[in-house]
Amino acid sequence: MVEKSDQAGLWPSLYDPFRHFGSRLADWLSPATEASGSDKSYDISMELPGVSEADIELTVDDGVVTIRGEKKTHEEKKGDTWYFSERQYGAFRRSFRLPEDADGAKASARMMDGVLHITVPKKPAERAESSRKIAIDRG
């Protein structure tokens, strides 16, 4: 998104608190997520009750894990009876930047009891070259 930054006057200062309101609202409505790390891997868990594996797309691209999905509604109408629903439906998308030592090519995922578990192993630590003395030539 391109934004003008050279505006002067009262309007920009009134607008600033609402500049990122849409993305903050989207974060608030998106599925609950936990991220953690151990000495061998990074783990991301996302609560997705009622979402089938077929409705989830998981990608790793350029060090970013992206989870897209959709929880679909089921409509039921019966006679003159009133119904209400407090459940949330709709599409979601979450992205997480991986640390430099994560091996996104070896990421794996599993779905269990409505929770998506993503595991991204860490790359083996590169061994530093042993120190050696360097001779100085006289020229």
Protein backbone atom coordinates (compact mmCIF):
# COMPACT_ATOMS: atom_id res chain seq x y z
CA MET A 1 0.00 0.00 0.00
CA VAL A 2 1.36 3.40 -0.94
CA GLU A 3 0.70 6.19 1.52
CA LYS A 4 1.35 9.88 1.29
CA SER A 5 3.65 11.14 3.99
CA ASP A 6 3.93 14.78 3.01
CA GLN A 7 0.49 15.84 4.22
CA ALA A 8 0.34 18.69 6.69
CA GLY A 9 -2.36 19.92 8.98
CA LEU A 10 -4.82 18.37 11.41
CA TRP A 11 -6.24 15.53 9.26
CA PRO A 12 -3.18 13.19 9.29
CA SER A 13 -2.92 13.31 13.09
CA LEU A 14 -6.58 12.33 13.42
CA TYR A 15 -6.20 9.54 10.88
CA ASP A 16 -3.02 7.94 12.30
CA PRO A 17 -4.66 5.86 15.09
CA PHE A 18 -6.89 4.19 12.48
CA ARG A 19 -4.19 3.64 9.84
CA HIS A 20 -3.67 -0.07 10.67
CA PHE A 21 -7.07 -0.80 12.19
CA GLY A 22 -8.00 -3.35 9.50
CA SER A 23 -4.93 -5.50 10.06
CA ARG A 24 -5.36 -5.33 13.84
CA LEU A 25 -8.98 -6.42 13.51
CA ALA A 26 -7.94 -9.29 11.22
CA ASP A 27 -5.36 -10.45 13.80
CA TRP A 28 -7.99 -10.36 16.53
CA LEU A 29 -10.42 -12.48 14.49
CA SER A 30 -7.84 -14.97 13.21
CA PRO A 31 -7.38 -18.41 14.80
CA ALA A 32 -5.52 -18.63 18.12
CA THR A 33 -1.88 -19.60 17.58
CA GLU A 34 1.13 -20.57 19.68
CA ALA A 35 4.75 -20.59 18.53
CA SER A 36 7.68 -22.10 20.37
CA GLY A 37 11.16 -23.39 19.75
CA SER A 38 13.43 -26.09 21.06
CA ASP A 39 17.05 -26.96 20.36
CA LYS A 40 15.97 -29.08 17.35
CA SER A 41 12.92 -27.35 15.83
CA TYR A 42 10.39 -24.52 15.75
CA ASP A 43 6.77 -25.41 16.42
CA ILE A 44 3.58 -23.56 15.48
CA SER A 45 0.17 -24.72 16.72
CA MET A 46 -3.08 -23.19 15.48
CA GLU A 47 -6.59 -23.92 16.76
CA LEU A 48 -8.84 -24.80 13.81
CA PRO A 49 -11.91 -26.57 15.17
CA GLY A 50 -14.41 -27.41 12.47
CA VAL A 51 -11.92 -26.87 9.62
CA SER A 52 -11.09 -29.94 7.54
CA GLU A 53 -7.59 -30.67 6.27
CA ALA A 54 -8.89 -30.27 2.69
CA ASP A 55 -9.75 -26.62 3.45
CA ILE A 56 -6.24 -25.74 4.68
CA GLU A 57 -3.33 -24.65 2.49
CA LEU A 58 0.10 -24.58 4.10
CA THR A 59 3.11 -23.13 2.27
CA VAL A 60 6.71 -22.21 3.08
CA ASP A 61 8.20 -19.61 0.77
CA ASP A 62 11.36 -17.56 1.23
CA GLY A 63 11.47 -18.15 4.98
CA VAL A 64 7.77 -17.44 5.60
CA VAL A 65 5.19 -20.03 6.69
CA THR A 66 1.71 -19.13 5.43
CA ILE A 67 -1.46 -20.88 6.56
CA ARG A 68 -4.66 -20.24 4.59
CA GLY A 69 -7.99 -21.83 5.19
CA GLU A 70 -11.71 -21.49 5.39
CA LYS A 71 -14.34 -22.57 7.86
CA LYS A 72 -17.51 -23.11 5.88
CA THR A 73 -21.06 -22.61 7.14
CA HIS A 74 -23.87 -25.11 7.07
CA GLU A 75 -27.30 -23.55 6.75
CA GLU A 76 -30.32 -25.20 8.26
CA LYS A 77 -33.80 -23.73 8.17
CA LYS A 78 -36.76 -25.28 9.90
CA GLY A 79 -40.27 -23.88 10.15
CA ASP A 80 -40.82 -20.85 12.37
CA THR A 81 -38.18 -21.77 14.94
CA TRP A 82 -35.58 -19.14 15.70
CA TYR A 83 -31.91 -20.10 15.77
CA PHE A 84 -28.79 -18.20 16.70
CA SER A 85 -25.13 -18.83 16.05
CA GLU A 86 -22.07 -17.48 17.85
CA ARG A 87 -19.64 -19.45 15.72
CA GLN A 88 -17.23 -17.72 13.36
CA TYR A 89 -17.07 -18.67 9.70
CA GLY A 90 -14.96 -17.43 6.87
CA ALA A 91 -11.50 -17.42 5.37
CA PHE A 92 -8.29 -16.73 7.28
CA ARG A 93 -4.63 -16.25 6.46
CA ARG A 94 -1.69 -16.10 8.86
CA SER A 95 2.01 -15.75 8.03
CA PHE A 96 5.04 -16.29 10.24
CA ARG A 97 8.63 -15.35 9.37
CA LEU A 98 11.06 -18.13 10.23
CA PRO A 99 14.47 -17.49 11.81
CA GLU A 100 17.57 -17.90 9.63
CA ASP A 101 18.42 -21.31 11.10
CA ALA A 102 15.02 -22.86 10.21
CA ASP A 103 14.93 -25.45 7.43
CA GLY A 104 11.63 -24.66 5.70
CA ALA A 105 12.21 -27.35 3.08
CA LYS A 106 11.81 -30.02 5.77
CA ALA A 107 8.70 -28.57 7.45
CA SER A 108 5.93 -31.01 8.36
CA ALA A 109 2.37 -30.67 9.64
CA ARG A 110 -0.29 -32.79 11.28
CA MET A 111 -3.87 -32.13 12.37
CA MET A 112 -5.06 -33.59 15.66
CA ASP A 113 -8.23 -32.79 17.62
CA GLY A 114 -8.87 -29.55 15.70
CA VAL A 115 -5.33 -28.24 16.20
CA LEU A 116 -2.85 -27.87 13.33
CA HIS A 117 0.73 -28.62 14.45
CA ILE A 118 3.57 -27.42 12.21
CA THR A 119 7.17 -28.47 12.89
CA VAL A 120 10.10 -26.79 11.16
CA PRO A 121 13.45 -28.39 12.01
CA LYS A 122 16.53 -26.28 12.59
CA LYS A 123 19.47 -26.51 10.22
CA PRO A 124 22.55 -28.17 11.67
CA ALA A 125 24.90 -25.63 13.17
CA GLU A 126 27.78 -24.84 10.87
CA ARG A 127 31.11 -25.59 12.44
CA ALA A 128 33.50 -22.71 12.52
CA GLU A 129 36.82 -23.39 10.88
CA SER A 130 39.55 -24.14 13.36
CA SER A 131 41.95 -21.30 13.78
CA ARG A 132 45.29 -21.48 12.06
CA LYS A 133 48.33 -19.31 11.88
CA ILE A 134 48.85 -17.50 8.59
CA ALA A 135 52.39 -16.87 7.42
CA ILE A 136 53.23 -13.37 6.25
CA ASP A 137 55.36 -13.16 3.14
CA ARG A 138 58.08 -10.55 3.00
CA GLY A 139 57.79 -8.69 -0.17
